[in-house]
Amino acid sequence: MNNIKKIGLTALAGSLVASSVSAATMSVTGSAGMSYTGGDSKATQGQGWTMGDSITFSASGDVNDIGVTLTLELDGDDAAGGATANQQFDNQSIAFDLGDAGSLTFHGHGGSSALGAKDDVMPAAWEEPWDILPSAETNLIGGAGGDNMFVYSYAHDSGITGTVSYVNAADAVTDVSSTSYGIEFTGMEGLTLGYAQQDVEVTTGTKGDESTMYAKYAIGGITVGIQMSENDMESGTDYESTGIGISYQVNDDLTVSYGSHEIEAVGSGNPDQETAAIGISYTMGSLSIGAAVHDGDNITNSSTDANQREKYSLGLTFNF
């Protein structure tokens, strides 16, 4: 009888363990590309060629009626000695699909705050106007994210999407804990309206209230947009920026665009930083080819000759 009891208990334990395991869908995607940047006579550029590559592993499944997705993106550039050398995980996150209640994502690395995800959403065929110009991002208004950040998002049937992000204080990330809020409306055909805000204090005594609002409208193959941002500092210089963009999708594969971006150092007497870019992109299946020409004046709000820059970029990307 004791042996029968043991067999029964063992079978029951095995069934409980088996029922607690959920099947997951595994997927692997990747991309590889090479690009050339040149045209800036005021900077030492080396040979100009760079390579980009990443492999993303995802596992998705249901756990107690909650959809869970684990994502790891490996970046060979960083591991080979890029800006964050030895950081092999370019992105890593775990997302919880809460059904009608929205979604919650924990970004171990590589996530953007609600404001950071919207720092420049103007239509562009290839790159933002300020993208490859040296130091042009110095005073860009883009919030602050960090490792181990929570992001909650909720989308309503009316076309309104709300996002909240939270990152805990850490000396290497932000001096104080920071929460960012964003809202976007897409309930009218072709129209996108959005607003995002965040209090940022990356280092002690540099607190600023950053915000952005934007509008885009698409009709036919044309998309136009305008975005205005502010950084109101408790002490120090305030900044305001305005970006505009227009893109035209010539056909299913070809897109061209023009964009400009201006940053004003309010009340400083310094000149406005002005950047502009013309871009083009062409897609053939999983292959994308792009090019852009960038021009920048008074970069970092300085009128010195070294801060007048012109650059161009060419890129080739494979997705698989």
C-alpha atoms as a PDB file:
ATOM      1  CA  MET A   1       0.000   0.000   0.000  1.00  0.00           C
ATOM      2  CA  ASN A   2       2.826   2.398   0.839  1.00  0.00           C
ATOM      3  CA  ASN A   3       4.400   1.745  -2.552  1.00  0.00           C
ATOM      4  CA  ILE A   4       1.089   2.503  -4.283  1.00  0.00           C
ATOM      5  CA  LYS A   5       0.842   5.784  -2.347  1.00  0.00           C
ATOM      6  CA  LYS A   6       4.382   6.708  -3.352  1.00  0.00           C
ATOM      7  CA  ILE A   7       3.660   6.016  -7.022  1.00  0.00           C
ATOM      8  CA  GLY A   8       0.466   8.077  -6.852  1.00  0.00           C
ATOM      9  CA  LEU A   9       2.172  11.040  -5.173  1.00  0.00           C
ATOM     10  CA  THR A  10       5.049  10.942  -7.667  1.00  0.00           C
ATOM     11  CA  ALA A  11       2.624  10.972 -10.601  1.00  0.00           C
ATOM     12  CA  LEU A  12       0.675  13.866  -9.042  1.00  0.00           C
ATOM     13  CA  ALA A  13       3.861  15.895  -8.483  1.00  0.00           C
ATOM     14  CA  GLY A  14       4.928  15.253 -12.069  1.00  0.00           C
ATOM     15  CA  SER A  15       1.592  16.437 -13.417  1.00  0.00           C
ATOM     16  CA  LEU A  16       1.740  19.622 -11.316  1.00  0.00           C
ATOM     17  CA  VAL A  17       5.233  20.436 -12.598  1.00  0.00           C
ATOM     18  CA  ALA A  18       4.222  19.748 -16.184  1.00  0.00           C
ATOM     19  CA  SER A  19       1.128  21.950 -15.919  1.00  0.00           C
ATOM     20  CA  SER A  20       3.190  24.874 -14.634  1.00  0.00           C
ATOM     21  CA  VAL A  21       5.369  25.010 -17.734  1.00  0.00           C
ATOM     22  CA  SER A  22       4.081  27.059 -20.674  1.00  0.00           C
ATOM     23  CA  ALA A  23       5.195  26.676 -24.249  1.00  0.00           C
ATOM     24  CA  ALA A  24       7.088  29.615 -25.706  1.00  0.00           C
ATOM     25  CA  THR A  25       7.550  30.829 -29.252  1.00  0.00           C
ATOM     26  CA  MET A  26      11.210  31.407 -30.016  1.00  0.00           C
ATOM     27  CA  SER A  27      12.424  33.722 -32.771  1.00  0.00           C
ATOM     28  CA  VAL A  28      15.725  35.100 -33.971  1.00  0.00           C
ATOM     29  CA  THR A  29      16.090  38.176 -36.175  1.00  0.00           C
ATOM     30  CA  GLY A  30      19.114  40.153 -37.191  1.00  0.00           C
ATOM     31  CA  SER A  31      20.533  42.965 -39.260  1.00  0.00           C
ATOM     32  CA  ALA A  32      23.869  43.900 -40.690  1.00  0.00           C
ATOM     33  CA  GLY A  33      25.004  46.983 -42.494  1.00  0.00           C
ATOM     34  CA  MET A  34      27.862  49.181 -43.531  1.00  0.00           C
ATOM     35  CA  SER A  35      27.993  52.938 -43.894  1.00  0.00           C
ATOM     36  CA  TYR A  36      30.310  55.683 -45.027  1.00  0.00           C
ATOM     37  CA  THR A  37      30.428  59.173 -43.536  1.00  0.00           C
ATOM     38  CA  GLY A  38      32.475  62.015 -44.943  1.00  0.00           C
ATOM     39  CA  GLY A  39      32.497  65.578 -46.130  1.00  0.00           C
ATOM     40  CA  ASP A  40      33.568  67.329 -42.912  1.00  0.00           C
ATOM     41  CA  SER A  41      36.844  69.138 -43.580  1.00  0.00           C
ATOM     42  CA  LYS A  42      37.080  70.370 -39.951  1.00  0.00           C
ATOM     43  CA  ALA A  43      37.297  66.931 -38.318  1.00  0.00           C
ATOM     44  CA  THR A  44      39.629  63.942 -38.363  1.00  0.00           C
ATOM     45  CA  GLN A  45      37.423  61.173 -39.722  1.00  0.00           C
ATOM     46  CA  GLY A  46      39.692  58.204 -40.318  1.00  0.00           C
ATOM     47  CA  GLN A  47      38.667  56.084 -43.265  1.00  0.00           C
ATOM     48  CA  GLY A  48      34.955  56.860 -42.806  1.00  0.00           C
ATOM     49  CA  TRP A  49      33.677  53.288 -43.082  1.00  0.00           C
ATOM     50  CA  THR A  50      31.784  51.639 -40.202  1.00  0.00           C
ATOM     51  CA  MET A  51      29.865  48.398 -39.746  1.00  0.00           C
ATOM     52  CA  GLY A  52      26.686  47.766 -37.777  1.00  0.00           C
ATOM     53  CA  ASP A  53      25.298  44.390 -36.770  1.00  0.00           C
ATOM     54  CA  SER A  54      22.852  42.969 -34.248  1.00  0.00           C
ATOM     55  CA  ILE A  55      21.065  39.712 -33.479  1.00  0.00           C
ATOM     56  CA  THR A  56      17.822  39.750 -31.490  1.00  0.00           C
ATOM     57  CA  PHE A  57      16.527  36.728 -29.592  1.00  0.00           C
ATOM     58  CA  SER A  58      12.892  36.728 -28.445  1.00  0.00           C
ATOM     59  CA  ALA A  59      10.850  34.262 -26.428  1.00  0.00           C
ATOM     60  CA  SER A  60       7.088  34.820 -26.108  1.00  0.00           C
ATOM     61  CA  GLY A  61       4.429  32.874 -24.263  1.00  0.00           C
ATOM     62  CA  ASP A  62       1.469  33.047 -21.892  1.00  0.00           C
ATOM     63  CA  VAL A  63       2.018  32.710 -18.152  1.00  0.00           C
ATOM     64  CA  ASN A  64      -1.202  32.648 -16.092  1.00  0.00           C
ATOM     65  CA  ASP A  65      -3.051  34.488 -18.888  1.00  0.00           C
ATOM     66  CA  ILE A  66      -0.364  37.191 -19.055  1.00  0.00           C
ATOM     67  CA  GLY A  67       1.621  37.447 -22.259  1.00  0.00           C
ATOM     68  CA  VAL A  68       5.337  37.606 -21.515  1.00  0.00           C
ATOM     69  CA  THR A  69       8.077  38.418 -24.035  1.00  0.00           C
ATOM     70  CA  LEU A  70      11.791  38.305 -23.265  1.00  0.00           C
ATOM     71  CA  THR A  71      14.022  40.115 -25.755  1.00  0.00           C
ATOM     72  CA  LEU A  72      17.815  40.197 -25.940  1.00  0.00           C
ATOM     73  CA  GLU A  73      19.654  42.113 -28.662  1.00  0.00           C
ATOM     74  CA  LEU A  74      23.351  41.380 -29.081  1.00  0.00           C
ATOM     75  CA  ASP A  75      25.436  44.153 -30.606  1.00  0.00           C
ATOM     76  CA  GLY A  76      28.803  43.097 -31.981  1.00  0.00           C
ATOM     77  CA  ASP A  77      29.902  46.723 -32.463  1.00  0.00           C
ATOM     78  CA  ASP A  78      29.906  47.462 -28.735  1.00  0.00           C
ATOM     79  CA  ALA A  79      31.621  44.196 -27.874  1.00  0.00           C
ATOM     80  CA  ALA A  80      34.350  45.048 -30.386  1.00  0.00           C
ATOM     81  CA  GLY A  81      35.135  48.357 -28.696  1.00  0.00           C
ATOM     82  CA  GLY A  82      32.450  50.895 -29.540  1.00  0.00           C
ATOM     83  CA  ALA A  83      31.181  53.738 -27.383  1.00  0.00           C
ATOM     84  CA  THR A  84      30.079  51.269 -24.703  1.00  0.00           C
ATOM     85  CA  ALA A  85      32.865  48.710 -25.098  1.00  0.00           C
ATOM     86  CA  ASN A  86      32.231  45.302 -23.560  1.00  0.00           C
ATOM     87  CA  GLN A  87      28.488  46.002 -23.412  1.00  0.00           C
ATOM     88  CA  GLN A  88      27.348  43.082 -25.545  1.00  0.00           C
ATOM     89  CA  PHE A  89      23.650  43.551 -24.786  1.00  0.00           C
ATOM     90  CA  ASP A  90      22.535  46.473 -26.920  1.00  0.00           C
ATOM     91  CA  ASN A  91      18.983  45.991 -25.646  1.00  0.00           C
ATOM     92  CA  GLN A  92      17.447  43.622 -23.124  1.00  0.00           C
ATOM     93  CA  SER A  93      13.893  43.744 -21.830  1.00  0.00           C
ATOM     94  CA  ILE A  94      10.974  41.733 -20.521  1.00  0.00           C
ATOM     95  CA  ALA A  95       7.463  42.815 -21.523  1.00  0.00           C
ATOM     96  CA  PHE A  96       4.161  41.891 -19.870  1.00  0.00           C
ATOM     97  CA  ASP A  97       1.041  42.025 -22.057  1.00  0.00           C
ATOM     98  CA  LEU A  98      -1.807  42.866 -19.663  1.00  0.00           C
ATOM     99  CA  GLY A  99      -4.537  42.622 -22.302  1.00  0.00           C
ATOM    100  CA  ASP A 100      -7.090  45.426 -22.064  1.00  0.00           C
ATOM    101  CA  ALA A 101      -5.045  46.950 -19.209  1.00  0.00           C
ATOM    102  CA  GLY A 102      -2.085  47.808 -21.461  1.00  0.00           C
ATOM    103  CA  SER A 103       1.516  46.612 -21.253  1.00  0.00           C
ATOM    104  CA  LEU A 104       4.411  46.923 -18.815  1.00  0.00           C
ATOM    105  CA  THR A 105       8.024  46.609 -19.945  1.00  0.00           C
ATOM    106  CA  PHE A 106      11.125  46.374 -17.785  1.00  0.00           C
ATOM    107  CA  HIS A 107      14.168  47.570 -19.761  1.00  0.00           C
ATOM    108  CA  GLY A 108      17.328  46.117 -18.279  1.00  0.00           C
ATOM    109  CA  HIS A 109      19.310  48.059 -20.876  1.00  0.00           C
ATOM    110  CA  GLY A 110      18.637  50.158 -23.959  1.00  0.00           C
ATOM    111  CA  GLY A 111      15.172  51.551 -23.194  1.00  0.00           C
ATOM    112  CA  SER A 112      13.913  55.094 -23.809  1.00  0.00           C
ATOM    113  CA  SER A 113      11.816  57.226 -21.463  1.00  0.00           C
ATOM    114  CA  ALA A 114       8.392  58.454 -22.589  1.00  0.00           C
ATOM    115  CA  LEU A 115      10.047  61.722 -23.661  1.00  0.00           C
ATOM    116  CA  GLY A 116      13.255  60.158 -24.971  1.00  0.00           C
ATOM    117  CA  ALA A 117      11.279  58.015 -27.408  1.00  0.00           C
ATOM    118  CA  LYS A 118       9.866  61.236 -28.930  1.00  0.00           C
ATOM    119  CA  ASP A 119      12.962  63.479 -29.043  1.00  0.00           C
ATOM    120  CA  ASP A 120      12.594  63.848 -32.836  1.00  0.00           C
ATOM    121  CA  VAL A 121       9.628  62.248 -34.613  1.00  0.00           C
ATOM    122  CA  MET A 122       9.654  64.347 -37.760  1.00  0.00           C
ATOM    123  CA  PRO A 123       9.315  62.470 -41.066  1.00  0.00           C
ATOM    124  CA  ALA A 124      12.749  61.552 -42.443  1.00  0.00           C
ATOM    125  CA  ALA A 125      13.805  59.156 -45.175  1.00  0.00           C
ATOM    126  CA  TRP A 126      17.169  58.393 -43.561  1.00  0.00           C
ATOM    127  CA  GLU A 127      18.475  60.399 -40.571  1.00  0.00           C
ATOM    128  CA  GLU A 128      17.505  63.374 -38.373  1.00  0.00           C
ATOM    129  CA  PRO A 129      19.015  66.756 -39.426  1.00  0.00           C
ATOM    130  CA  TRP A 130      21.414  66.815 -36.436  1.00  0.00           C
ATOM    131  CA  ASP A 131      22.318  63.137 -36.474  1.00  0.00           C
ATOM    132  CA  ILE A 132      25.899  62.861 -37.765  1.00  0.00           C
ATOM    133  CA  LEU A 133      27.102  66.406 -37.124  1.00  0.00           C
ATOM    134  CA  PRO A 134      29.737  66.446 -34.321  1.00  0.00           C
ATOM    135  CA  SER A 135      28.371  67.825 -31.004  1.00  0.00           C
ATOM    136  CA  ALA A 136      25.015  68.774 -32.553  1.00  0.00           C
ATOM    137  CA  GLU A 137      23.214  66.601 -29.967  1.00  0.00           C
ATOM    138  CA  THR A 138      24.798  68.412 -26.993  1.00  0.00           C
ATOM    139  CA  ASN A 139      21.749  70.567 -26.210  1.00  0.00           C
ATOM    140  CA  LEU A 140      19.140  68.301 -27.776  1.00  0.00           C
ATOM    141  CA  ILE A 141      15.975  68.081 -25.662  1.00  0.00           C
ATOM    142  CA  GLY A 142      15.369  64.365 -25.286  1.00  0.00           C
ATOM    143  CA  GLY A 143      14.711  63.405 -21.667  1.00  0.00           C
ATOM    144  CA  ALA A 144      16.770  60.814 -19.800  1.00  0.00           C
ATOM    145  CA  GLY A 145      16.428  57.053 -19.650  1.00  0.00           C
ATOM    146  CA  GLY A 146      18.640  54.464 -18.046  1.00  0.00           C
ATOM    147  CA  ASP A 147      19.180  50.830 -17.200  1.00  0.00           C
ATOM    148  CA  ASN A 148      16.497  48.980 -15.207  1.00  0.00           C
ATOM    149  CA  MET A 149      13.673  51.294 -16.267  1.00  0.00           C
ATOM    150  CA  PHE A 150       9.930  50.579 -16.204  1.00  0.00           C
ATOM    151  CA  VAL A 151       7.682  51.706 -19.081  1.00  0.00           C
ATOM    152  CA  TYR A 152       3.888  51.348 -18.977  1.00  0.00           C
ATOM    153  CA  SER A 153       1.761  51.949 -22.081  1.00  0.00           C
ATOM    154  CA  TYR A 154      -1.996  51.929 -22.627  1.00  0.00           C
ATOM    155  CA  ALA A 155      -3.769  52.308 -25.978  1.00  0.00           C
ATOM    156  CA  HIS A 156      -7.483  53.189 -26.170  1.00  0.00           C
ATOM    157  CA  ASP A 157      -9.771  52.411 -29.096  1.00  0.00           C
ATOM    158  CA  SER A 158     -10.302  56.152 -29.593  1.00  0.00           C
ATOM    159  CA  GLY A 159      -6.710  56.468 -30.864  1.00  0.00           C
ATOM    160  CA  ILE A 160      -5.216  57.817 -27.632  1.00  0.00           C
ATOM    161  CA  THR A 161      -2.062  56.161 -26.293  1.00  0.00           C
ATOM    162  CA  GLY A 162      -0.586  57.045 -22.907  1.00  0.00           C
ATOM    163  CA  THR A 163       2.934  56.166 -21.744  1.00  0.00           C
ATOM    164  CA  VAL A 164       4.614  56.482 -18.343  1.00  0.00           C
ATOM    165  CA  SER A 165       8.272  55.621 -17.658  1.00  0.00           C
ATOM    166  CA  TYR A 166      10.153  55.458 -14.364  1.00  0.00           C
ATOM    167  CA  VAL A 167      13.870  55.071 -13.660  1.00  0.00           C
ATOM    168  CA  ASN A 168      15.222  54.812 -10.129  1.00  0.00           C
ATOM    169  CA  ALA A 169      18.051  57.069  -8.964  1.00  0.00           C
ATOM    170  CA  ALA A 170      21.575  55.794  -9.590  1.00  0.00           C
ATOM    171  CA  ASP A 171      24.851  57.702  -9.723  1.00  0.00           C
ATOM    172  CA  ALA A 172      25.655  56.317 -13.159  1.00  0.00           C
ATOM    173  CA  VAL A 173      22.235  57.218 -14.597  1.00  0.00           C
ATOM    174  CA  THR A 174      20.378  60.055 -12.849  1.00  0.00           C
ATOM    175  CA  ASP A 175      20.910  61.869  -9.555  1.00  0.00           C
ATOM    176  CA  VAL A 176      17.232  61.623  -8.584  1.00  0.00           C
ATOM    177  CA  SER A 177      14.499  59.193  -9.583  1.00  0.00           C
ATOM    178  CA  SER A 178      12.697  60.379 -12.687  1.00  0.00           C
ATOM    179  CA  THR A 179       9.231  59.873 -14.147  1.00  0.00           C
ATOM    180  CA  SER A 180       8.263  60.776 -17.705  1.00  0.00           C
ATOM    181  CA  TYR A 181       4.781  61.056 -19.238  1.00  0.00           C
ATOM    182  CA  GLY A 182       3.631  60.984 -22.838  1.00  0.00           C
ATOM    183  CA  ILE A 183       0.310  61.039 -24.715  1.00  0.00           C
ATOM    184  CA  GLU A 184      -0.364  60.580 -28.420  1.00  0.00           C
ATOM    185  CA  PHE A 185      -3.512  60.827 -30.545  1.00  0.00           C
ATOM    186  CA  THR A 186      -3.926  59.011 -33.883  1.00  0.00           C
ATOM    187  CA  GLY A 187      -7.719  58.776 -33.989  1.00  0.00           C
ATOM    188  CA  MET A 188      -8.114  60.895 -37.143  1.00  0.00           C
ATOM    189  CA  GLU A 189      -6.930  59.491 -40.453  1.00  0.00           C
ATOM    190  CA  GLY A 190      -3.491  60.839 -41.354  1.00  0.00           C
ATOM    191  CA  LEU A 191      -3.128  62.958 -38.194  1.00  0.00           C
ATOM    192  CA  THR A 192      -0.744  62.382 -35.277  1.00  0.00           C
ATOM    193  CA  LEU A 193      -0.610  64.696 -32.244  1.00  0.00           C
ATOM    194  CA  GLY A 194       1.608  64.169 -29.226  1.00  0.00           C
ATOM    195  CA  TYR A 195       3.013  65.619 -26.014  1.00  0.00           C
ATOM    196  CA  ALA A 196       5.639  64.349 -23.548  1.00  0.00           C
ATOM    197  CA  GLN A 197       7.238  65.742 -20.379  1.00  0.00           C
ATOM    198  CA  GLN A 198      10.017  64.798 -17.951  1.00  0.00           C
ATOM    199  CA  ASP A 199      11.903  66.381 -15.051  1.00  0.00           C
ATOM    200  CA  VAL A 200      15.591  65.635 -15.624  1.00  0.00           C
ATOM    201  CA  GLU A 201      18.466  65.894 -13.151  1.00  0.00           C
ATOM    202  CA  VAL A 202      21.241  63.639 -14.398  1.00  0.00           C
ATOM    203  CA  THR A 203      23.832  65.349 -12.188  1.00  0.00           C
ATOM    204  CA  THR A 204      23.272  67.220  -8.915  1.00  0.00           C
ATOM    205  CA  GLY A 205      22.114  70.817  -9.347  1.00  0.00           C
ATOM    206  CA  THR A 206      21.211  70.545 -13.048  1.00  0.00           C
ATOM    207  CA  LYS A 207      17.463  70.022 -12.780  1.00  0.00           C
ATOM    208  CA  GLY A 208      15.435  70.876 -15.844  1.00  0.00           C
ATOM    209  CA  ASP A 209      11.803  70.529 -16.888  1.00  0.00           C
ATOM    210  CA  GLU A 210      11.830  69.141 -20.431  1.00  0.00           C
ATOM    211  CA  SER A 211       8.801  68.870 -22.694  1.00  0.00           C
ATOM    212  CA  THR A 212       7.945  68.369 -26.348  1.00  0.00           C
ATOM    213  CA  MET A 213       4.824  68.577 -28.508  1.00  0.00           C
ATOM    214  CA  TYR A 214       4.442  67.586 -32.113  1.00  0.00           C
ATOM    215  CA  ALA A 215       2.004  67.258 -34.989  1.00  0.00           C
ATOM    216  CA  LYS A 216       2.236  65.236 -38.202  1.00  0.00           C
ATOM    217  CA  TYR A 217      -0.171  64.870 -41.076  1.00  0.00           C
ATOM    218  CA  ALA A 218      -0.009  62.364 -43.924  1.00  0.00           C
ATOM    219  CA  ILE A 219      -2.009  62.616 -47.140  1.00  0.00           C
ATOM    220  CA  GLY A 220      -1.260  60.515 -50.155  1.00  0.00           C
ATOM    221  CA  GLY A 221       2.484  59.938 -50.204  1.00  0.00           C
ATOM    222  CA  ILE A 222       3.309  63.203 -48.414  1.00  0.00           C
ATOM    223  CA  THR A 223       3.889  63.543 -44.661  1.00  0.00           C
ATOM    224  CA  VAL A 224       4.584  66.906 -43.015  1.00  0.00           C
ATOM    225  CA  GLY A 225       5.346  67.656 -39.394  1.00  0.00           C
ATOM    226  CA  ILE A 226       6.403  70.220 -36.817  1.00  0.00           C
ATOM    227  CA  GLN A 227       7.825  69.673 -33.331  1.00  0.00           C
ATOM    228  CA  MET A 228       8.565  72.190 -30.557  1.00  0.00           C
ATOM    229  CA  SER A 229      10.509  71.375 -27.378  1.00  0.00           C
ATOM    230  CA  GLU A 230      11.628  73.213 -24.232  1.00  0.00           C
ATOM    231  CA  ASN A 231      14.132  72.682 -21.427  1.00  0.00           C
ATOM    232  CA  ASP A 232      13.497  75.057 -18.506  1.00  0.00           C
ATOM    233  CA  MET A 233      16.467  74.867 -16.135  1.00  0.00           C
ATOM    234  CA  GLU A 234      16.253  75.763 -12.431  1.00  0.00           C
ATOM    235  CA  SER A 235      19.693  77.308 -12.851  1.00  0.00           C
ATOM    236  CA  GLY A 236      21.639  77.833 -16.044  1.00  0.00           C
ATOM    237  CA  THR A 237      20.583  78.371 -19.650  1.00  0.00           C
ATOM    238  CA  ASP A 238      17.120  77.449 -20.908  1.00  0.00           C
ATOM    239  CA  TYR A 239      16.799  75.899 -24.359  1.00  0.00           C
ATOM    240  CA  GLU A 240      14.016  75.824 -26.933  1.00  0.00           C
ATOM    241  CA  SER A 241      13.999  73.897 -30.192  1.00  0.00           C
ATOM    242  CA  THR A 242      11.856  73.712 -33.324  1.00  0.00           C
ATOM    243  CA  GLY A 243      11.981  70.964 -35.923  1.00  0.00           C
ATOM    244  CA  ILE A 244      10.129  70.599 -39.204  1.00  0.00           C
ATOM    245  CA  GLY A 245      10.094  67.799 -41.731  1.00  0.00           C
ATOM    246  CA  ILE A 246       8.500  66.731 -44.968  1.00  0.00           C
ATOM    247  CA  SER A 247       8.784  63.387 -46.710  1.00  0.00           C
ATOM    248  CA  TYR A 248       7.422  62.047 -49.970  1.00  0.00           C
ATOM    249  CA  GLN A 249       6.966  58.362 -50.694  1.00  0.00           C
ATOM    250  CA  VAL A 250       7.503  58.250 -54.434  1.00  0.00           C
ATOM    251  CA  ASN A 251       6.478  54.584 -54.614  1.00  0.00           C
ATOM    252  CA  ASP A 252       6.457  51.505 -52.391  1.00  0.00           C
ATOM    253  CA  ASP A 253      10.271  51.448 -52.352  1.00  0.00           C
ATOM    254  CA  LEU A 254      11.546  55.033 -52.722  1.00  0.00           C
ATOM    255  CA  THR A 255      11.232  57.874 -50.152  1.00  0.00           C
ATOM    256  CA  VAL A 256      12.801  61.344 -50.138  1.00  0.00           C
ATOM    257  CA  SER A 257      12.727  63.942 -47.343  1.00  0.00           C
ATOM    258  CA  TYR A 258      13.870  67.325 -46.087  1.00  0.00           C
ATOM    259  CA  GLY A 259      14.147  68.372 -42.457  1.00  0.00           C
ATOM    260  CA  SER A 260      15.500  71.218 -40.342  1.00  0.00           C
ATOM    261  CA  HIS A 261      16.084  71.636 -36.624  1.00  0.00           C
ATOM    262  CA  GLU A 262      16.891  74.777 -34.601  1.00  0.00           C
ATOM    263  CA  ILE A 263      18.019  75.084 -30.966  1.00  0.00           C
ATOM    264  CA  GLU A 264      17.881  78.449 -29.182  1.00  0.00           C
ATOM    265  CA  ALA A 265      19.861  79.207 -26.014  1.00  0.00           C
ATOM    266  CA  VAL A 266      17.222  81.492 -24.473  1.00  0.00           C
ATOM    267  CA  GLY A 267      18.473  84.891 -23.281  1.00  0.00           C
ATOM    268  CA  SER A 268      22.146  83.987 -23.701  1.00  0.00           C
ATOM    269  CA  GLY A 269      22.868  86.191 -26.678  1.00  0.00           C
ATOM    270  CA  ASN A 270      24.434  83.208 -28.434  1.00  0.00           C
ATOM    271  CA  PRO A 271      23.367  82.357 -31.998  1.00  0.00           C
ATOM    272  CA  ASP A 272      20.824  79.617 -32.679  1.00  0.00           C
ATOM    273  CA  GLN A 273      22.123  76.209 -33.690  1.00  0.00           C
ATOM    274  CA  GLU A 274      20.656  75.402 -37.110  1.00  0.00           C
ATOM    275  CA  THR A 275      20.866  72.002 -38.801  1.00  0.00           C
ATOM    276  CA  ALA A 276      19.243  70.669 -41.967  1.00  0.00           C
ATOM    277  CA  ALA A 277      19.329  67.469 -44.006  1.00  0.00           C
ATOM    278  CA  ILE A 278      18.132  66.059 -47.316  1.00  0.00           C
ATOM    279  CA  GLY A 279      17.625  62.283 -47.261  1.00  0.00           C
ATOM    280  CA  ILE A 280      16.698  59.450 -49.591  1.00  0.00           C
ATOM    281  CA  SER A 281      16.035  55.763 -48.993  1.00  0.00           C
ATOM    282  CA  TYR A 282      15.315  52.820 -51.274  1.00  0.00           C
ATOM    283  CA  THR A 283      14.099  49.405 -50.150  1.00  0.00           C
ATOM    284  CA  MET A 284      14.344  46.140 -52.070  1.00  0.00           C
ATOM    285  CA  GLY A 285      12.894  43.352 -49.945  1.00  0.00           C
ATOM    286  CA  SER A 286      15.172  43.012 -46.912  1.00  0.00           C
ATOM    287  CA  LEU A 287      17.783  45.383 -48.353  1.00  0.00           C
ATOM    288  CA  SER A 288      17.714  49.129 -47.606  1.00  0.00           C
ATOM    289  CA  ILE A 289      19.934  51.769 -49.201  1.00  0.00           C
ATOM    290  CA  GLY A 290      20.024  55.312 -47.859  1.00  0.00           C
ATOM    291  CA  ALA A 291      21.889  58.569 -48.171  1.00  0.00           C
ATOM    292  CA  ALA A 292      21.715  61.996 -46.539  1.00  0.00           C
ATOM    293  CA  VAL A 293      23.484  65.360 -46.780  1.00  0.00           C
ATOM    294  CA  HIS A 294      23.668  67.395 -43.540  1.00  0.00           C
ATOM    295  CA  ASP A 295      24.500  71.038 -42.899  1.00  0.00           C
ATOM    296  CA  GLY A 296      25.006  72.661 -39.497  1.00  0.00           C
ATOM    297  CA  ASP A 297      25.583  76.267 -38.406  1.00  0.00           C
ATOM    298  CA  ASN A 298      26.527  77.530 -34.927  1.00  0.00           C
ATOM    299  CA  ILE A 299      26.694  74.037 -33.426  1.00  0.00           C
ATOM    300  CA  THR A 300      26.468  74.117 -29.591  1.00  0.00           C
ATOM    301  CA  ASN A 301      25.216  77.708 -30.109  1.00  0.00           C
ATOM    302  CA  SER A 302      28.707  78.911 -30.969  1.00  0.00           C
ATOM    303  CA  SER A 303      29.533  80.994 -34.036  1.00  0.00           C
ATOM    304  CA  THR A 304      33.186  79.910 -34.269  1.00  0.00           C
ATOM    305  CA  ASP A 305      34.332  78.616 -37.629  1.00  0.00           C
ATOM    306  CA  ALA A 306      34.841  75.113 -36.204  1.00  0.00           C
ATOM    307  CA  ASN A 307      31.107  74.900 -35.483  1.00  0.00           C
ATOM    308  CA  GLN A 308      30.017  75.321 -39.094  1.00  0.00           C
ATOM    309  CA  ARG A 309      29.883  71.765 -40.419  1.00  0.00           C
ATOM    310  CA  GLU A 310      28.828  69.858 -43.536  1.00  0.00           C
ATOM    311  CA  LYS A 311      28.673  66.057 -43.739  1.00  0.00           C
ATOM    312  CA  TYR A 312      27.130  63.297 -45.811  1.00  0.00           C
ATOM    313  CA  SER A 313      26.401  59.632 -45.169  1.00  0.00           C
ATOM    314  CA  LEU A 314      25.735  56.532 -47.268  1.00  0.00           C
ATOM    315  CA  GLY A 315      24.333  53.333 -45.809  1.00  0.00           C
ATOM    316  CA  LEU A 316      23.492  49.761 -46.750  1.00  0.00           C
ATOM    317  CA  THR A 317      21.428  47.564 -44.389  1.00  0.00           C
ATOM    318  CA  PHE A 318      20.365  43.912 -44.599  1.00  0.00           C
ATOM    319  CA  ASN A 319      17.574  42.506 -42.427  1.00  0.00           C
ATOM    320  CA  PHE A 320      17.157  38.791 -41.990  1.00  0.00           C
END
